Amino acid sequence: MNKRILFAILAVAFLAGAILRFMASGMAFGVMFLILAAASAWFSIKAKRE
């Protein structure tokens, strides 16, 4: 599987998890998922350049 697509899917999944955690008032897990979503998006952009 293409790394770029894999990291993009992970970024969307982590973003959805963060939104659900914020709705359930789980602030710590929501912030963690947002950080993981940003890292996955960054790796996806980085994989695109290579």
PDB file of N, CA and C in Angstrom:
ATOM      1  N   MET A   1       0.846  -1.191   0.000  1.00  0.00           N
ATOM      2  CA  MET A   1       0.000   0.000   0.000  1.00  0.00           C
ATOM      3  C   MET A   1       0.885   1.246   0.000  1.00  0.00           C
ATOM      4  N   ASN A   2       0.411   2.263  -0.655  1.00  0.00           N
ATOM      5  CA  ASN A   2       1.143   3.516  -0.744  1.00  0.00           C
ATOM      6  C   ASN A   2       1.206   4.192   0.633  1.00  0.00           C
ATOM      7  N   LYS A   3       2.405   4.623   1.027  1.00  0.00           N
ATOM      8  CA  LYS A   3       2.569   5.247   2.343  1.00  0.00           C
ATOM      9  C   LYS A   3       1.748   6.521   2.467  1.00  0.00           C
ATOM     10  N   ARG A   4       1.681   7.279   1.406  1.00  0.00           N
ATOM     11  CA  ARG A   4       0.949   8.550   1.436  1.00  0.00           C
ATOM     12  C   ARG A   4      -0.529   8.322   1.734  1.00  0.00           C
ATOM     13  N   ILE A   5      -1.106   7.335   1.076  1.00  0.00           N
ATOM     14  CA  ILE A   5      -2.522   7.032   1.287  1.00  0.00           C
ATOM     15  C   ILE A   5      -2.747   6.496   2.697  1.00  0.00           C
ATOM     16  N   LEU A   6      -1.842   5.644   3.162  1.00  0.00           N
ATOM     17  CA  LEU A   6      -1.969   5.072   4.494  1.00  0.00           C
ATOM     18  C   LEU A   6      -1.947   6.156   5.574  1.00  0.00           C
ATOM     19  N   PHE A   7      -1.006   7.090   5.482  1.00  0.00           N
ATOM     20  CA  PHE A   7      -0.934   8.155   6.477  1.00  0.00           C
ATOM     21  C   PHE A   7      -2.116   9.114   6.370  1.00  0.00           C
ATOM     22  N   ALA A   8      -2.633   9.318   5.171  1.00  0.00           N
ATOM     23  CA  ALA A   8      -3.816  10.172   5.014  1.00  0.00           C
ATOM     24  C   ALA A   8      -5.030   9.526   5.677  1.00  0.00           C
ATOM     25  N   ILE A   9      -5.180   8.211   5.516  1.00  0.00           N
ATOM     26  CA  ILE A   9      -6.280   7.496   6.167  1.00  0.00           C
ATOM     27  C   ILE A   9      -6.133   7.570   7.678  1.00  0.00           C
ATOM     28  N   LEU A  10      -4.912   7.401   8.176  1.00  0.00           N
ATOM     29  CA  LEU A  10      -4.670   7.500   9.615  1.00  0.00           C
ATOM     30  C   LEU A  10      -4.997   8.895  10.140  1.00  0.00           C
ATOM     31  N   ALA A  11      -4.631   9.926   9.380  1.00  0.00           N
ATOM     32  CA  ALA A  11      -4.905  11.297   9.809  1.00  0.00           C
ATOM     33  C   ALA A  11      -6.406  11.538   9.934  1.00  0.00           C
ATOM     34  N   VAL A  12      -7.176  11.058   8.969  1.00  0.00           N
ATOM     35  CA  VAL A  12      -8.627  11.232   9.019  1.00  0.00           C
ATOM     36  C   VAL A  12      -9.222  10.451  10.189  1.00  0.00           C
ATOM     37  N   ALA A  13      -8.715   9.239  10.420  1.00  0.00           N
ATOM     38  CA  ALA A  13      -9.226   8.428  11.526  1.00  0.00           C
ATOM     39  C   ALA A  13      -8.918   9.083  12.873  1.00  0.00           C
ATOM     40  N   PHE A  14      -7.704   9.594  13.038  1.00  0.00           N
ATOM     41  CA  PHE A  14      -7.357  10.250  14.296  1.00  0.00           C
ATOM     42  C   PHE A  14      -8.154  11.536  14.489  1.00  0.00           C
ATOM     43  N   LEU A  15      -8.406  12.267  13.403  1.00  0.00           N
ATOM     44  CA  LEU A  15      -9.207  13.486  13.500  1.00  0.00           C
ATOM     45  C   LEU A  15     -10.638  13.163  13.917  1.00  0.00           C
ATOM     46  N   ALA A  16     -11.201  12.104  13.341  1.00  0.00           N
ATOM     47  CA  ALA A  16     -12.546  11.695  13.727  1.00  0.00           C
ATOM     48  C   ALA A  16     -12.574  11.257  15.190  1.00  0.00           C
ATOM     49  N   GLY A  17     -11.546  10.541  15.624  1.00  0.00           N
ATOM     50  CA  GLY A  17     -11.464  10.132  17.023  1.00  0.00           C
ATOM     51  C   GLY A  17     -11.353  11.325  17.959  1.00  0.00           C
ATOM     52  N   ALA A  18     -10.601  12.337  17.546  1.00  0.00           N
ATOM     53  CA  ALA A  18     -10.462  13.540  18.371  1.00  0.00           C
ATOM     54  C   ALA A  18     -11.797  14.266  18.503  1.00  0.00           C
ATOM     55  N   ILE A  19     -12.535  14.371  17.411  1.00  0.00           N
ATOM     56  CA  ILE A  19     -13.841  15.032  17.457  1.00  0.00           C
ATOM     57  C   ILE A  19     -14.794  14.274  18.376  1.00  0.00           C
ATOM     58  N   LEU A  20     -14.785  12.947  18.269  1.00  0.00           N
ATOM     59  CA  LEU A  20     -15.658  12.151  19.137  1.00  0.00           C
ATOM     60  C   LEU A  20     -15.248  12.277  20.598  1.00  0.00           C
ATOM     61  N   ARG A  21     -13.948  12.342  20.872  1.00  0.00           N
ATOM     62  CA  ARG A  21     -13.492  12.483  22.252  1.00  0.00           C
ATOM     63  C   ARG A  21     -13.858  13.851  22.825  1.00  0.00           C
ATOM     64  N   PHE A  22     -13.743  14.904  22.005  1.00  0.00           N
ATOM     65  CA  PHE A  22     -14.127  16.228  22.484  1.00  0.00           C
ATOM     66  C   PHE A  22     -15.627  16.283  22.759  1.00  0.00           C
ATOM     67  N   MET A  23     -16.429  15.594  21.944  1.00  0.00           N
ATOM     68  CA  MET A  23     -17.872  15.573  22.173  1.00  0.00           C
ATOM     69  C   MET A  23     -18.207  14.810  23.450  1.00  0.00           C
ATOM     70  N   ALA A  24     -17.394  13.813  23.788  1.00  0.00           N
ATOM     71  CA  ALA A  24     -17.629  13.024  25.003  1.00  0.00           C
ATOM     72  C   ALA A  24     -16.873  13.619  26.191  1.00  0.00           C
ATOM     73  N   SER A  25     -16.375  14.817  26.048  1.00  0.00           N
ATOM     74  CA  SER A  25     -15.635  15.567  27.069  1.00  0.00           C
ATOM     75  C   SER A  25     -14.405  14.827  27.585  1.00  0.00           C
ATOM     76  N   GLY A  26     -13.696  14.157  26.683  1.00  0.00           N
ATOM     77  CA  GLY A  26     -12.434  13.530  27.049  1.00  0.00           C
ATOM     78  C   GLY A  26     -11.305  14.394  26.509  1.00  0.00           C
ATOM     79  N   MET A  27     -10.980  15.441  27.233  1.00  0.00           N
ATOM     80  CA  MET A  27     -10.053  16.455  26.725  1.00  0.00           C
ATOM     81  C   MET A  27      -8.653  15.891  26.475  1.00  0.00           C
ATOM     82  N   ALA A  28      -8.124  15.096  27.377  1.00  0.00           N
ATOM     83  CA  ALA A  28      -6.756  14.595  27.223  1.00  0.00           C
ATOM     84  C   ALA A  28      -6.643  13.687  26.002  1.00  0.00           C
ATOM     85  N   PHE A  29      -7.595  12.787  25.835  1.00  0.00           N
ATOM     86  CA  PHE A  29      -7.552  11.895  24.684  1.00  0.00           C
ATOM     87  C   PHE A  29      -7.817  12.658  23.390  1.00  0.00           C
ATOM     88  N   GLY A  30      -8.665  13.681  23.443  1.00  0.00           N
ATOM     89  CA  GLY A  30      -8.925  14.488  22.257  1.00  0.00           C
ATOM     90  C   GLY A  30      -7.678  15.206  21.781  1.00  0.00           C
ATOM     91  N   VAL A  31      -6.926  15.776  22.719  1.00  0.00           N
ATOM     92  CA  VAL A  31      -5.679  16.459  22.358  1.00  0.00           C
ATOM     93  C   VAL A  31      -4.667  15.457  21.817  1.00  0.00           C
ATOM     94  N   MET A  32      -4.601  14.270  22.422  1.00  0.00           N
ATOM     95  CA  MET A  32      -3.672  13.240  21.944  1.00  0.00           C
ATOM     96  C   MET A  32      -4.011  12.833  20.511  1.00  0.00           C
ATOM     97  N   PHE A  33      -5.306  12.643  20.224  1.00  0.00           N
ATOM     98  CA  PHE A  33      -5.706  12.274  18.880  1.00  0.00           C
ATOM     99  C   PHE A  33      -5.432  13.402  17.882  1.00  0.00           C
ATOM    100  N   LEU A  34      -5.586  14.660  18.307  1.00  0.00           N
ATOM    101  CA  LEU A  34      -5.266  15.771  17.413  1.00  0.00           C
ATOM    102  C   LEU A  34      -3.775  15.800  17.082  1.00  0.00           C
ATOM    103  N   ILE A  35      -2.936  15.529  18.070  1.00  0.00           N
ATOM    104  CA  ILE A  35      -1.495  15.483  17.826  1.00  0.00           C
ATOM    105  C   ILE A  35      -1.150  14.338  16.876  1.00  0.00           C
ATOM    106  N   LEU A  36      -1.769  13.182  17.077  1.00  0.00           N
ATOM    107  CA  LEU A  36      -1.519  12.046  16.186  1.00  0.00           C
ATOM    108  C   LEU A  36      -2.030  12.325  14.767  1.00  0.00           C
ATOM    109  N   ALA A  37      -3.152  13.024  14.655  1.00  0.00           N
ATOM    110  CA  ALA A  37      -3.672  13.377  13.331  1.00  0.00           C
ATOM    111  C   ALA A  37      -2.721  14.328  12.620  1.00  0.00           C
ATOM    112  N   ALA A  38      -2.182  15.303  13.358  1.00  0.00           N
ATOM    113  CA  ALA A  38      -1.230  16.239  12.750  1.00  0.00           C
ATOM    114  C   ALA A  38       0.049  15.512  12.324  1.00  0.00           C
ATOM    115  N   ALA A  39       0.518  14.598  13.144  1.00  0.00           N
ATOM    116  CA  ALA A  39       1.728  13.843  12.792  1.00  0.00           C
ATOM    117  C   ALA A  39       1.482  12.977  11.566  1.00  0.00           C
ATOM    118  N   SER A  40       0.336  12.333  11.485  1.00  0.00           N
ATOM    119  CA  SER A  40       0.026  11.499  10.321  1.00  0.00           C
ATOM    120  C   SER A  40      -0.090  12.341   9.057  1.00  0.00           C
ATOM    121  N   ALA A  41      -0.707  13.509   9.162  1.00  0.00           N
ATOM    122  CA  ALA A  41      -0.818  14.390   7.997  1.00  0.00           C
ATOM    123  C   ALA A  41       0.562  14.860   7.558  1.00  0.00           C
ATOM    124  N   TRP A  42       1.429  15.167   8.512  1.00  0.00           N
ATOM    125  CA  TRP A  42       2.783  15.614   8.175  1.00  0.00           C
ATOM    126  C   TRP A  42       3.561  14.504   7.481  1.00  0.00           C
ATOM    127  N   PHE A  43       3.435  13.274   7.984  1.00  0.00           N
ATOM    128  CA  PHE A  43       4.115  12.149   7.338  1.00  0.00           C
ATOM    129  C   PHE A  43       3.550  11.884   5.953  1.00  0.00           C
ATOM    130  N   SER A  44       2.257  12.105   5.772  1.00  0.00           N
ATOM    131  CA  SER A  44       1.655  11.926   4.460  1.00  0.00           C
ATOM    132  C   SER A  44       2.203  12.945   3.469  1.00  0.00           C
ATOM    133  N   ILE A  45       2.347  14.193   3.908  1.00  0.00           N
ATOM    134  CA  ILE A  45       2.912  15.233   3.039  1.00  0.00           C
ATOM    135  C   ILE A  45       4.386  14.930   2.754  1.00  0.00           C
ATOM    136  N   LYS A  46       5.109  14.473   3.771  1.00  0.00           N
ATOM    137  CA  LYS A  46       6.514  14.150   3.596  1.00  0.00           C
ATOM    138  C   LYS A  46       6.695  12.977   2.640  1.00  0.00           C
ATOM    139  N   ALA A  47       5.815  11.976   2.714  1.00  0.00           N
ATOM    140  CA  ALA A  47       5.904  10.817   1.828  1.00  0.00           C
ATOM    141  C   ALA A  47       5.586  11.211   0.384  1.00  0.00           C
ATOM    142  N   LYS A  48       4.775  12.243   0.207  1.00  0.00           N
ATOM    143  CA  LYS A  48       4.435  12.694  -1.140  1.00  0.00           C
ATOM    144  C   LYS A  48       5.661  13.275  -1.841  1.00  0.00           C
ATOM    145  N   ARG A  49       6.532  13.962  -1.083  1.00  0.00           N
ATOM    146  CA  ARG A  49       7.711  14.585  -1.694  1.00  0.00           C
ATOM    147  C   ARG A  49       8.743  13.549  -2.135  1.00  0.00           C
ATOM    148  N   GLU A  50       8.778  12.419  -1.475  1.00  0.00           N
ATOM    149  CA  GLU A  50       9.807  11.411  -1.781  1.00  0.00           C
ATOM    150  C   GLU A  50       9.424  10.525  -2.929  1.00  0.00           C
TER     151      GLU A  50
END
